[in-house]
Amino acid sequence: MKNIIKTVYPERIVTACGAENEGVLLKRKRLQIGIGREEVCKLSAGGYLLLDFGREIVGGVRILSWFSAPNVPVRLRFGESVAEVCAQIGEKNATNDHALRDFRIDLPQLSDGVYGQTGFRFLRLDAEGEITLKAIVALDSRPNFRPIGEFRCNDERVNQIYLTARETLFCCVQNGYIWDGVKRDRLVWIGDLHPETLGLLSTVGGVKQIENCIRLAVEQTPLPGWMNGIPSYSLWWAMNLYELWWHTGDLSLARRYESYFTALLSQVDECIGEDGTTRFPFDFLDWPTHEQEDELAGQAGMMLFAAKRAAELSKALGIRTAAEYICEKLSRRKDCVRVSKQAEAMQVLSGAHDASSSAAFLAEGGSRGMSTFMSYYILRALADGGRGKDALSMMRDYYGGMLDRGARTFWEDFSLDWLEGGSRIDELPKAGETDIHGDHGAYCYVGYRHSLCHGWSCGPIAFLTHVVLGVRVLEAGCGKIALKPDLCGLTHAEGTFPTPHGGVHIVLDRKEDGGVNIAYTAPPQVEIVL
């Protein structure tokens, strides 16, 4: 389960000072130092290089240094934006928390060393003495996945969004687990894992890393604790357990944690009154909704959504749990959502609110009010309400806004309001521009601490798979799948959905009368229902 380490050369030199022949660092070459004639970059004392590797890197850099004064002090700064890589510690919340991004080394001559372990796209190297460099390459850690699931359509913007979402997700699969943001803490956030689980099930299937995260969350959270200290995250854990069972048909993991699952649901039940009111020690749905007026309504909707799946899993296990009691009590609530699209989406997906009646609310203002964590749920609820074309348009505007500012992976958070006068991440902010990285963010991700490669932002994968391709798994183990596609205004779309039996390939074309022509191939073990 070890990741593959790939060598990545710099794509461009953003800027340099006191450098000669720096272009040689972009050339492919034999990565071996010698004492004979070498084509090298010379960097004077006080000079610097700022390199762009063109993609998110998870790992560090390998530096091949030629002749120089022995052990020249060098400062290395890693960043996900050009502005971050030029910042000082403390400036706009630039930090060395969790993964070091700013430190000094002594660079020996005739050396070949590896430095750093973080998430980055840009590297700035400042020399305190004269050095000569043969090469600076990144060492990028990626899971050994060969994606079965895929998506493409007639809209190249949508194709780019899908591939970028997949790139983001795969970057965060590390060391046998799934992390949230590779430049910060390397924790498994079990609630944030749900959109990542849906993304992996739509691209590579029920991989071991999902199971590892589910196991770890139990091992690190003896009851009556709440996973990651957040009660709603314990219910997201149950959702992840359900999703893995529903896709693979394998109940062995759920059986292993049957007693924990049962006791957890009883613990949740004790925190819910007969009228559906909740009294948890901490309420949470999403950071942009935290401590806002719709948070409790959104959390209740999410818990009802999870409890219904927990009831299905309980039935499959042949056990009696509190899941149905939780559903009964939460169904007695009558929540009115006033502002939050996340909260309304959860009310819709739980069945508490009618999708058609909620569609106008979810579509109002387009992609304003979206969040990266909750994007799939908002878009799915809107499409379920018959507004698939609006949902696809919102996805294009929201995720496309990040692409327009130079993103190669999707971010921890984003708002369309940041675009007005906002800089690109692959340039220093110009006069009159706001720093789209350093001047935004909130809660635990203010300024440069904000992650620009965050796994929970992979929602477009599941949306394009479940809504546009219309894949609906009808039986645990994918033995029976319905295709209910919605081209959402596209004229052509095709893709593959991975099942334990092999991939189901789907081709969709819009007919002149507005209908959809559906063609598919599927393994013999998979029954397709149109």
Protein backbone atom coordinates (compact mmCIF):
# COMPACT_ATOMS: atom_id res chain seq x y z
CA MET A 1 0.00 0.00 0.00
CA LYS A 2 3.02 2.28 -0.19
CA ASN A 3 2.69 5.27 -2.48
CA ILE A 4 4.83 5.66 -5.59
CA ILE A 5 7.43 8.45 -5.50
CA LYS A 6 7.74 10.33 -8.79
CA THR A 7 10.40 12.84 -9.80
CA VAL A 8 8.95 16.15 -11.00
CA TYR A 9 11.08 18.84 -12.65
CA PRO A 10 10.26 22.53 -12.28
CA GLU A 11 7.84 23.74 -14.95
CA ARG A 12 9.02 27.34 -14.87
CA ILE A 13 11.18 29.80 -13.00
CA VAL A 14 8.81 32.40 -11.60
CA THR A 15 11.61 34.79 -10.74
CA ALA A 16 15.29 34.76 -9.83
CA CYS A 17 17.81 37.20 -8.39
CA GLY A 18 21.60 36.85 -8.45
CA ALA A 19 21.34 33.76 -10.64
CA GLU A 20 23.23 32.74 -13.76
CA ASN A 21 22.15 30.03 -16.19
CA GLU A 22 19.05 29.22 -14.12
CA GLY A 23 17.30 27.76 -17.17
CA VAL A 24 19.33 24.56 -16.80
CA LEU A 25 17.17 23.65 -13.80
CA LEU A 26 14.20 23.10 -16.15
CA LYS A 27 16.07 20.54 -18.28
CA ARG A 28 15.80 16.77 -17.84
CA LYS A 29 19.19 15.28 -17.02
CA ARG A 30 20.99 12.41 -15.35
CA LEU A 31 20.50 12.98 -11.62
CA GLN A 32 24.03 12.10 -10.55
CA ILE A 33 26.72 14.51 -9.37
CA GLY A 34 30.18 14.28 -10.97
CA ILE A 35 33.43 16.22 -10.78
CA GLY A 36 33.75 16.63 -14.54
CA ARG A 37 32.19 19.33 -16.67
CA GLU A 38 28.59 20.00 -15.55
CA GLU A 39 25.91 22.39 -16.78
CA VAL A 40 24.98 24.20 -13.59
CA CYS A 41 23.14 27.22 -12.23
CA LYS A 42 25.29 29.64 -10.24
CA LEU A 43 23.59 31.51 -7.40
CA SER A 44 25.45 34.35 -5.67
CA ALA A 45 25.34 35.14 -1.97
CA GLY A 46 22.02 36.88 -1.27
CA GLY A 47 20.48 35.49 -4.47
CA TYR A 48 17.34 33.43 -4.74
CA LEU A 49 15.32 31.20 -7.06
CA LEU A 50 11.53 30.81 -7.10
CA LEU A 51 10.42 27.63 -8.87
CA ASP A 52 6.98 26.46 -10.00
CA PHE A 53 6.57 22.67 -10.25
CA GLY A 54 3.26 23.11 -12.06
CA ARG A 55 1.26 20.81 -9.79
CA GLU A 56 0.66 20.07 -6.13
CA ILE A 57 3.56 18.09 -4.72
CA VAL A 58 3.24 15.89 -1.64
CA GLY A 59 6.77 15.40 -0.34
CA GLY A 60 9.98 17.39 -0.58
CA VAL A 61 12.75 18.40 -2.96
CA ARG A 62 15.96 16.72 -4.03
CA ILE A 63 18.85 19.15 -4.51
CA LEU A 64 22.05 18.26 -6.38
CA SER A 65 24.74 20.78 -5.45
CA TRP A 66 28.02 21.05 -7.42
CA PHE A 67 31.19 22.85 -6.30
CA SER A 68 30.75 25.62 -3.75
CA ALA A 69 32.09 26.68 -0.38
CA PRO A 70 31.45 23.79 2.02
CA ASN A 71 28.12 23.87 3.85
CA VAL A 72 26.55 27.05 2.51
CA PRO A 73 23.50 28.12 4.57
CA VAL A 74 20.36 27.99 2.41
CA ARG A 75 16.80 28.92 3.28
CA LEU A 76 14.00 26.79 1.76
CA ARG A 77 10.40 27.98 1.64
CA PHE A 78 7.59 25.78 0.33
CA GLY A 79 4.18 27.16 -0.61
CA GLU A 80 0.93 26.55 -2.42
CA SER A 81 0.97 30.08 -3.86
CA VAL A 82 3.72 32.44 -4.98
CA ALA A 83 2.69 34.89 -2.27
CA GLU A 84 2.90 32.23 0.44
CA VAL A 85 6.36 31.10 -0.65
CA CYS A 86 7.63 34.68 -0.31
CA ALA A 87 6.09 35.28 3.14
CA GLN A 88 7.83 35.34 6.51
CA ILE A 89 6.65 33.14 9.37
CA GLY A 90 3.77 34.97 11.03
CA GLU A 91 2.98 37.11 8.00
CA LYS A 92 -0.69 36.62 7.10
CA ASN A 93 -0.67 33.53 9.29
CA ALA A 94 2.19 31.79 7.45
CA THR A 95 3.16 28.95 9.78
CA ASN A 96 5.36 25.95 10.33
CA ASP A 97 2.48 24.09 11.98
CA HIS A 98 2.28 20.34 11.40
CA ALA A 99 4.53 20.27 8.30
CA LEU A 100 7.62 22.48 8.03
CA ARG A 101 7.44 24.89 5.11
CA ASP A 102 10.16 27.42 6.02
CA PHE A 103 13.56 26.35 7.34
CA ARG A 104 17.32 26.60 6.82
CA ILE A 105 19.80 23.88 5.88
CA ASP A 106 23.54 23.72 5.33
CA LEU A 107 23.97 22.71 1.69
CA PRO A 108 27.21 20.75 1.13
CA GLN A 109 29.09 20.72 -2.15
CA LEU A 110 29.03 17.64 -4.40
CA SER A 111 25.89 16.58 -2.55
CA ASP A 112 22.57 14.94 -3.36
CA GLY A 113 20.09 15.46 -0.54
CA VAL A 114 16.33 15.37 0.10
CA TYR A 115 14.71 18.14 2.12
CA GLY A 116 11.18 18.81 3.33
CA GLN A 117 7.92 16.89 3.70
CA THR A 118 4.83 18.97 3.03
CA GLY A 119 2.29 19.95 0.38
CA PHE A 120 3.48 22.58 -2.08
CA ARG A 121 3.65 23.75 -5.67
CA PHE A 122 6.26 26.49 -5.34
CA LEU A 123 9.76 26.51 -3.84
CA ARG A 124 11.89 29.52 -2.97
CA LEU A 125 15.58 28.93 -2.31
CA ASP A 126 17.65 31.78 -0.81
CA ALA A 127 21.45 31.36 -0.70
CA GLU A 128 23.51 32.98 2.06
CA GLY A 129 26.72 32.13 0.19
CA GLU A 130 27.68 31.35 -3.38
CA ILE A 131 26.48 27.94 -4.61
CA THR A 132 26.25 26.02 -7.87
CA LEU A 133 23.29 23.76 -8.52
CA LYS A 134 22.95 20.93 -11.01
CA ALA A 135 19.30 20.14 -10.30
CA ILE A 136 16.35 20.82 -8.02
CA VAL A 137 13.53 18.32 -8.47
CA ALA A 138 10.45 17.52 -6.43
CA LEU A 139 9.72 14.05 -5.06
CA ASP A 140 5.96 13.58 -5.29
CA SER A 141 4.11 10.83 -3.40
CA ARG A 142 1.03 9.38 -5.14
CA PRO A 143 -1.17 6.35 -4.47
CA ASN A 144 -0.64 3.42 -6.80
CA PHE A 145 -4.09 3.83 -8.37
CA ARG A 146 -5.14 3.04 -11.90
CA PRO A 147 -8.50 4.78 -12.06
CA ILE A 148 -11.33 2.73 -13.52
CA GLY A 149 -13.86 5.49 -13.01
CA GLU A 150 -13.71 8.35 -15.45
CA PHE A 151 -15.82 11.16 -16.89
CA ARG A 152 -15.67 13.38 -19.95
CA CYS A 153 -18.17 15.47 -21.87
CA ASN A 154 -18.48 18.07 -24.62
CA ASP A 155 -17.64 20.90 -22.18
CA GLU A 156 -13.87 21.19 -21.63
CA ARG A 157 -14.36 23.38 -18.58
CA VAL A 158 -16.31 20.58 -16.91
CA ASN A 159 -13.65 18.04 -17.95
CA GLN A 160 -10.95 20.18 -16.37
CA ILE A 161 -12.96 20.46 -13.15
CA TYR A 162 -13.37 16.68 -12.97
CA LEU A 163 -9.65 16.01 -13.51
CA THR A 164 -8.63 18.68 -11.01
CA ALA A 165 -11.02 17.27 -8.39
CA ARG A 166 -9.49 13.82 -8.95
CA GLU A 167 -5.97 15.24 -8.70
CA THR A 168 -6.91 16.91 -5.42
CA LEU A 169 -8.39 13.72 -4.00
CA PHE A 170 -5.48 11.48 -5.00
CA CYS A 171 -2.94 13.92 -3.51
CA CYS A 172 -4.63 13.42 -0.15
CA VAL A 173 -4.38 9.61 -0.16
CA GLN A 174 -1.15 9.11 1.77
CA ASN A 175 0.50 6.41 3.89
CA GLY A 176 -2.49 4.10 3.68
CA TYR A 177 -4.97 6.75 4.87
CA ILE A 178 -6.84 9.77 3.52
CA TRP A 179 -5.74 13.16 4.79
CA ASP A 180 -7.59 16.41 4.39
CA GLY A 181 -4.91 18.91 3.43
CA VAL A 182 -1.38 17.72 2.79
CA LYS A 183 0.44 20.83 3.98
CA ARG A 184 -1.17 20.85 7.43
CA ASP A 185 -2.16 18.24 9.99
CA ARG A 186 -1.99 14.66 8.78
CA LEU A 187 -5.14 13.60 10.63
CA VAL A 188 -8.05 11.51 9.43
CA TRP A 189 -11.10 13.77 9.78
CA ILE A 190 -13.83 11.18 9.56
CA GLY A 191 -16.62 13.62 8.69
CA ASP A 192 -14.61 15.34 5.97
CA LEU A 193 -13.96 11.83 4.64
CA HIS A 194 -17.48 11.33 3.28
CA PRO A 195 -17.13 13.34 0.02
CA GLU A 196 -13.67 11.77 -0.34
CA THR A 197 -15.18 8.30 0.10
CA LEU A 198 -17.77 9.06 -2.58
CA GLY A 199 -15.00 10.32 -4.86
CA LEU A 200 -12.87 7.22 -4.39
CA LEU A 201 -15.84 4.87 -4.86
CA SER A 202 -16.53 6.67 -8.16
CA THR A 203 -12.94 6.42 -9.44
CA VAL A 204 -11.10 3.46 -7.92
CA GLY A 205 -13.76 1.61 -5.93
CA GLY A 206 -13.66 0.34 -2.36
CA VAL A 207 -9.94 0.76 -1.75
CA LYS A 208 -8.26 -0.27 1.49
CA GLN A 209 -7.54 3.33 2.50
CA ILE A 210 -11.26 3.95 3.18
CA GLU A 211 -11.42 0.92 5.46
CA ASN A 212 -8.23 2.00 7.23
CA CYS A 213 -9.76 5.38 8.06
CA ILE A 214 -12.95 3.79 9.38
CA ARG A 215 -10.91 1.45 11.59
CA LEU A 216 -8.62 4.21 12.84
CA ALA A 217 -11.53 6.42 13.89
CA VAL A 218 -12.89 3.65 16.12
CA GLU A 219 -9.49 2.79 17.59
CA GLN A 220 -8.84 6.45 18.44
CA THR A 221 -12.32 7.14 19.83
CA PRO A 222 -13.50 4.83 22.63
CA LEU A 223 -17.09 5.60 23.58
CA PRO A 224 -18.50 7.81 24.97
CA GLY A 225 -16.10 9.98 22.98
CA TRP A 226 -17.07 11.69 19.74
CA MET A 227 -14.91 11.18 16.67
CA ASN A 228 -12.57 14.14 16.13
CA GLY A 229 -14.37 15.69 19.12
CA ILE A 230 -17.43 16.44 16.94
CA PRO A 231 -20.72 14.52 17.50
CA SER A 232 -21.87 14.91 13.89
CA TYR A 233 -18.59 13.35 12.75
CA SER A 234 -19.46 10.14 14.56
CA LEU A 235 -22.56 9.96 12.37
CA TRP A 236 -20.46 10.71 9.29
CA TRP A 237 -18.41 7.67 10.37
CA ALA A 238 -21.59 5.57 10.18
CA MET A 239 -22.23 7.05 6.71
CA ASN A 240 -18.74 6.05 5.53
CA LEU A 241 -19.26 2.54 6.91
CA TYR A 242 -22.57 2.37 5.01
CA GLU A 243 -21.08 3.67 1.74
CA LEU A 244 -18.27 1.10 1.79
CA TRP A 245 -20.72 -1.75 2.47
CA TRP A 246 -23.21 -0.54 -0.14
CA HIS A 247 -20.54 -0.37 -2.84
CA THR A 248 -18.66 -3.59 -2.05
CA GLY A 249 -21.42 -5.74 -0.56
CA ASP A 250 -18.95 -6.81 2.15
CA LEU A 251 -20.41 -6.73 5.68
CA SER A 252 -17.29 -8.00 7.44
CA LEU A 253 -16.08 -4.56 8.55
CA ALA A 254 -19.54 -3.58 9.80
CA ARG A 255 -19.78 -6.89 11.70
CA ARG A 256 -16.41 -6.25 13.32
CA TYR A 257 -17.70 -2.93 14.69
CA GLU A 258 -21.28 -4.07 15.29
CA SER A 259 -21.17 -3.45 19.04
CA TYR A 260 -19.52 -0.03 18.60
CA PHE A 261 -22.06 0.89 15.91
CA THR A 262 -24.94 -0.13 18.17
CA ALA A 263 -23.61 1.69 21.25
CA LEU A 264 -22.82 4.82 19.22
CA LEU A 265 -26.39 5.04 17.90
CA SER A 266 -27.71 4.64 21.45
CA GLN A 267 -25.42 7.48 22.53
CA VAL A 268 -26.74 9.68 19.72
CA ASP A 269 -30.33 8.75 20.61
CA GLU A 270 -29.81 9.92 24.18
CA CYS A 271 -28.93 13.41 22.87
CA ILE A 272 -32.17 13.82 20.91
CA GLY A 273 -35.49 14.71 22.53
CA GLU A 274 -38.84 13.20 21.60
CA ASP A 275 -39.63 16.34 19.59
CA GLY A 276 -36.34 16.12 17.67
CA THR A 277 -34.51 18.83 19.59
CA THR A 278 -30.82 18.07 20.04
CA ARG A 279 -28.45 18.65 22.94
CA PHE A 280 -24.97 17.73 21.80
CA PRO A 281 -21.86 19.14 23.47
CA PHE A 282 -20.77 20.65 20.15
CA ASP A 283 -22.83 21.47 17.08
CA PHE A 284 -21.24 21.48 13.64
CA LEU A 285 -22.20 21.10 9.99
CA ASP A 286 -19.61 23.12 8.00
CA TRP A 287 -17.24 25.96 8.87
CA PRO A 288 -19.11 28.63 6.87
CA THR A 289 -22.32 27.69 8.77
CA HIS A 290 -20.68 27.32 12.17
CA GLU A 291 -22.50 29.26 14.89
CA GLN A 292 -24.86 30.68 12.27
CA GLU A 293 -28.65 30.61 12.51
CA ASP A 294 -29.17 27.57 10.26
CA GLU A 295 -26.48 25.35 11.80
CA LEU A 296 -28.83 23.32 14.00
CA ALA A 297 -31.26 22.75 11.12
CA GLY A 298 -28.42 21.61 8.88
CA GLN A 299 -26.95 19.34 11.53
CA ALA A 300 -30.38 17.79 12.18
CA GLY A 301 -30.84 17.16 8.46
CA MET A 302 -27.41 15.59 8.19
CA MET A 303 -28.10 13.36 11.20
CA LEU A 304 -31.43 12.23 9.78
CA PHE A 305 -29.68 11.52 6.46
CA ALA A 306 -27.10 9.41 8.31
CA ALA A 307 -29.60 7.69 10.59
CA LYS A 308 -31.63 6.44 7.62
CA ARG A 309 -28.52 4.79 6.22
CA ALA A 310 -27.63 3.44 9.63
CA ALA A 311 -31.10 1.86 9.75
CA GLU A 312 -30.46 0.15 6.38
CA LEU A 313 -27.13 -1.14 7.61
CA SER A 314 -28.69 -2.37 10.86
CA LYS A 315 -31.24 -4.33 8.85
CA ALA A 316 -28.52 -5.89 6.71
CA LEU A 317 -26.63 -6.90 9.86
CA GLY A 318 -29.81 -8.35 11.35
CA ILE A 319 -29.49 -6.30 14.52
CA ARG A 320 -31.73 -3.90 16.41
CA THR A 321 -30.26 -0.43 16.95
CA ALA A 322 -31.55 3.02 17.86
CA ALA A 323 -31.33 4.16 14.22
CA GLU A 324 -35.08 3.99 13.60
CA TYR A 325 -35.84 5.82 16.86
CA ILE A 326 -33.44 8.56 15.83
CA CYS A 327 -35.20 8.82 12.46
CA GLU A 328 -38.62 9.01 14.08
CA LYS A 329 -37.60 11.76 16.48
CA LEU A 330 -35.67 13.88 13.96
CA SER A 331 -38.56 13.56 11.49
CA ARG A 332 -40.76 15.41 14.00
CA ARG A 333 -38.66 18.57 13.59
CA LYS A 334 -39.96 21.36 11.40
CA ASP A 335 -36.93 23.39 10.45
CA CYS A 336 -37.06 26.51 8.30
CA VAL A 337 -33.73 27.31 6.66
CA ARG A 338 -33.23 31.02 5.99
CA VAL A 339 -29.67 31.45 4.66
CA SER A 340 -27.55 28.33 4.41
CA LYS A 341 -27.57 26.26 1.22
CA GLN A 342 -25.64 23.56 3.08
CA ALA A 343 -28.38 23.26 5.70
CA GLU A 344 -31.16 23.21 3.10
CA ALA A 345 -29.34 20.55 1.07
CA MET A 346 -29.15 18.31 4.12
CA GLN A 347 -32.83 18.83 4.80
CA VAL A 348 -33.56 17.79 1.21
CA LEU A 349 -31.27 14.75 1.13
CA SER A 350 -32.69 13.54 4.45
CA GLY A 351 -36.22 13.71 3.06
CA ALA A 352 -37.30 16.36 5.55
CA HIS A 353 -37.78 19.00 2.82
CA ASP A 354 -39.17 18.49 -0.67
CA ALA A 355 -36.46 18.80 -3.34
CA SER A 356 -38.69 20.59 -5.86
CA SER A 357 -39.86 23.12 -3.29
CA SER A 358 -36.29 23.79 -2.15
CA ALA A 359 -34.79 24.18 -5.64
CA ALA A 360 -35.41 27.92 -5.95
CA PHE A 361 -33.73 28.56 -2.60
CA LEU A 362 -30.69 26.44 -3.54
CA ALA A 363 -30.37 28.10 -6.96
CA GLU A 364 -30.72 31.68 -5.70
CA GLY A 365 -27.57 33.68 -6.33
CA GLY A 366 -25.99 30.86 -8.32
CA SER A 367 -22.84 29.53 -6.72
CA ARG A 368 -22.76 32.19 -4.02
CA GLY A 369 -23.25 30.41 -0.72
CA MET A 370 -21.47 27.27 -1.91
CA SER A 371 -18.73 25.61 0.12
CA THR A 372 -16.08 23.14 -0.95
CA PHE A 373 -16.95 20.57 1.74
CA MET A 374 -20.67 20.71 1.02
CA SER A 375 -20.57 21.22 -2.76
CA TYR A 376 -21.73 17.70 -3.67
CA TYR A 377 -24.70 17.80 -1.31
CA ILE A 378 -25.86 21.23 -2.53
CA LEU A 379 -25.52 20.30 -6.20
CA ARG A 380 -27.16 16.91 -5.70
CA ALA A 381 -30.12 18.38 -3.81
CA LEU A 382 -30.62 21.02 -6.51
CA ALA A 383 -30.50 18.39 -9.28
CA ASP A 384 -32.95 16.20 -7.34
CA GLY A 385 -35.30 19.18 -7.44
CA GLY A 386 -35.25 19.18 -11.25
CA ARG A 387 -32.63 21.92 -11.64
CA GLY A 388 -29.69 19.88 -12.92
CA LYS A 389 -28.73 22.50 -15.51
CA ASP A 390 -28.50 25.13 -12.78
CA ALA A 391 -26.46 22.75 -10.63
CA LEU A 392 -23.91 22.17 -13.39
CA SER A 393 -23.71 25.91 -14.04
CA MET A 394 -23.04 26.54 -10.34
CA MET A 395 -20.31 23.90 -10.33
CA ARG A 396 -18.68 25.47 -13.41
CA ASP A 397 -18.72 28.97 -11.91
CA TYR A 398 -17.57 27.96 -8.44
CA TYR A 399 -14.80 25.51 -9.23
CA GLY A 400 -13.96 27.35 -12.44
CA GLY A 401 -13.28 30.45 -10.34
CA MET A 402 -10.42 28.64 -8.65
CA LEU A 403 -9.08 27.44 -12.00
CA ASP A 404 -9.17 31.01 -13.32
CA ARG A 405 -6.88 32.06 -10.50
CA GLY A 406 -4.27 29.43 -11.36
CA ALA A 407 -5.46 26.50 -9.25
CA ARG A 408 -4.20 23.02 -10.14
CA THR A 409 -5.97 21.51 -7.12
CA PHE A 410 -9.10 22.64 -5.27
CA TRP A 411 -9.10 24.53 -2.01
CA GLU A 412 -10.23 24.13 1.57
CA ASP A 413 -12.68 26.99 1.12
CA PHE A 414 -13.60 29.45 -1.60
CA SER A 415 -16.09 32.23 -2.25
CA LEU A 416 -16.92 33.96 -5.52
CA ASP A 417 -16.49 37.25 -3.66
CA TRP A 418 -12.75 36.59 -3.55
CA LEU A 419 -12.50 36.88 -7.33
CA GLU A 420 -13.26 40.59 -7.52
CA GLY A 421 -9.85 42.26 -7.52
CA GLY A 422 -8.20 39.01 -6.41
CA SER A 423 -4.75 37.91 -7.54
CA ARG A 424 -3.69 34.65 -9.16
CA ILE A 425 -1.94 32.09 -6.96
CA ASP A 426 0.89 31.65 -9.50
CA GLU A 427 1.88 35.33 -9.41
CA LEU A 428 2.64 37.92 -6.77
CA PRO A 429 -0.36 40.21 -6.22
CA LYS A 430 -0.20 43.32 -8.37
CA ALA A 431 -0.85 46.84 -7.12
CA GLY A 432 -4.51 47.18 -6.21
CA GLU A 433 -5.13 43.42 -6.05
CA THR A 434 -6.04 41.48 -2.97
CA ASP A 435 -3.96 38.39 -2.19
CA ILE A 436 -6.47 35.64 -2.92
CA HIS A 437 -4.52 33.28 -0.64
CA GLY A 438 -3.24 35.43 2.19
CA ASP A 439 -6.13 37.89 2.54
CA HIS A 440 -8.94 35.35 2.91
CA GLY A 441 -9.88 32.29 4.93
CA ALA A 442 -11.54 31.96 8.33
CA TYR A 443 -11.72 29.86 11.49
CA CYS A 444 -8.74 27.46 11.49
CA TYR A 445 -7.63 28.35 7.96
CA VAL A 446 -6.92 32.08 8.01
CA GLY A 447 -4.45 33.46 5.46
CA TYR A 448 -1.59 31.29 4.28
CA ARG A 449 -2.61 28.51 6.64
CA HIS A 450 -5.48 27.97 4.19
CA SER A 451 -4.98 24.71 2.32
CA LEU A 452 -5.09 24.94 -1.49
CA CYS A 453 -5.22 21.16 -1.89
CA HIS A 454 -8.02 19.83 0.28
CA GLY A 455 -9.58 16.42 -0.24
CA TRP A 456 -13.11 17.36 0.80
CA SER A 457 -13.35 19.68 -2.23
CA CYS A 458 -13.61 16.69 -4.62
CA GLY A 459 -17.43 16.91 -4.75
CA PRO A 460 -17.63 17.32 -8.57
CA ILE A 461 -16.52 13.69 -8.99
CA ALA A 462 -19.57 12.27 -7.24
CA PHE A 463 -21.91 14.88 -8.75
CA LEU A 464 -20.87 14.14 -12.33
CA THR A 465 -21.03 10.38 -11.64
CA HIS A 466 -24.31 10.25 -9.73
CA VAL A 467 -26.24 13.02 -11.50
CA VAL A 468 -24.91 13.47 -15.03
CA LEU A 469 -24.08 9.81 -15.68
CA GLY A 470 -27.02 8.93 -13.44
CA VAL A 471 -25.42 6.00 -11.60
CA ARG A 472 -27.63 4.77 -8.73
CA VAL A 473 -26.58 1.58 -6.96
CA LEU A 474 -29.75 -0.37 -6.14
CA GLU A 475 -28.27 -3.37 -4.32
CA ALA A 476 -25.32 -3.71 -1.96
CA GLY A 477 -22.32 -4.87 -3.94
CA CYS A 478 -23.39 -3.15 -7.19
CA GLY A 479 -25.17 -6.23 -8.50
CA LYS A 480 -28.00 -3.99 -9.69
CA ILE A 481 -27.51 -0.44 -10.90
CA ALA A 482 -30.01 2.06 -12.25
CA LEU A 483 -29.00 4.61 -14.86
CA LYS A 484 -31.00 7.80 -14.50
CA PRO A 485 -28.87 10.37 -16.31
CA ASP A 486 -29.37 14.12 -16.42
CA LEU A 487 -27.15 15.79 -19.01
CA CYS A 488 -27.74 19.10 -17.21
CA GLY A 489 -27.54 21.02 -20.50
CA LEU A 490 -24.63 19.05 -21.96
CA THR A 491 -25.00 17.39 -25.36
CA HIS A 492 -22.64 14.47 -24.72
CA ALA A 493 -21.15 12.75 -21.70
CA GLU A 494 -19.51 9.41 -21.10
CA GLY A 495 -17.71 7.70 -18.30
CA THR A 496 -17.06 4.55 -16.34
CA PHE A 497 -18.23 3.57 -12.88
CA PRO A 498 -16.12 1.01 -10.98
CA THR A 499 -17.86 -1.95 -9.37
CA PRO A 500 -16.42 -5.02 -7.60
CA HIS A 501 -17.16 -6.90 -10.85
CA GLY A 502 -15.53 -4.43 -13.25
CA GLY A 503 -16.37 -1.11 -14.82
CA VAL A 504 -19.78 -0.06 -16.15
CA HIS A 505 -19.20 2.19 -19.18
CA ILE A 506 -21.90 4.69 -20.07
CA VAL A 507 -22.30 6.89 -23.17
CA LEU A 508 -24.97 9.60 -23.26
CA ASP A 509 -26.06 11.78 -26.17
CA ARG A 510 -28.84 14.33 -26.28
CA LYS A 511 -31.56 13.62 -28.83
CA GLU A 512 -33.13 16.29 -31.00
CA ASP A 513 -36.35 16.01 -28.99
CA GLY A 514 -34.47 16.74 -25.77
CA GLY A 515 -34.37 13.14 -24.58
CA VAL A 516 -31.18 11.21 -23.86
CA ASN A 517 -29.83 8.27 -25.81
CA ILE A 518 -28.18 5.84 -23.38
CA ALA A 519 -25.65 3.20 -24.37
CA TYR A 520 -23.74 1.09 -21.87
CA THR A 521 -21.59 -1.97 -21.36
CA ALA A 522 -21.50 -3.79 -18.05
CA PRO A 523 -20.01 -6.95 -16.52
CA PRO A 524 -22.39 -9.93 -16.62
CA GLN A 525 -22.73 -9.84 -12.82
CA VAL A 526 -24.23 -6.32 -12.97
CA GLU A 527 -27.88 -5.86 -13.92
CA ILE A 528 -28.58 -2.45 -15.45
CA VAL A 529 -31.99 -0.83 -15.02
CA LEU A 530 -32.92 2.16 -17.18
